[in-house]
């Protein structure tokens, strides 16, 4: 975790470690936050987009989230139970860590970058759920 924390901090992200094997990453210009969790040799990145009533996530919205032409090209959506009949729609990505060499560093930075790019399309897609 220390190497990943240092790598992201060196690239200008605000990074905290709220729990073991967990990083909170914030892009300073936009304020967008990503959570990273390391499980074994996989690092999972999660970017919450919106929390809404479960009933608002209709089959039409789900179809749009799964559509290959939706503008979200490198990340994927997941739904998490937020309690009280609500769900959080997240954008996710992951990479496999090997030896924490240059290739792993590139993979980590790419995952974060892809999420930050994809979130613009994702928020346009699911932003209508807030109404």
Foldseek 3Di string as FASTA:
>chain_A
DVLLQVLLVVVPWDWDAPDPQKIWTARPPVRFIWIWGDDPQKIKIKGWQDKAAPVLCDPVLVCLQVDCPLQLPAWHWDWADPDPRMIIIITMDMDGHDPPDPVNSVVSVVRVVSRVRNSVSVCVSCVVSVD
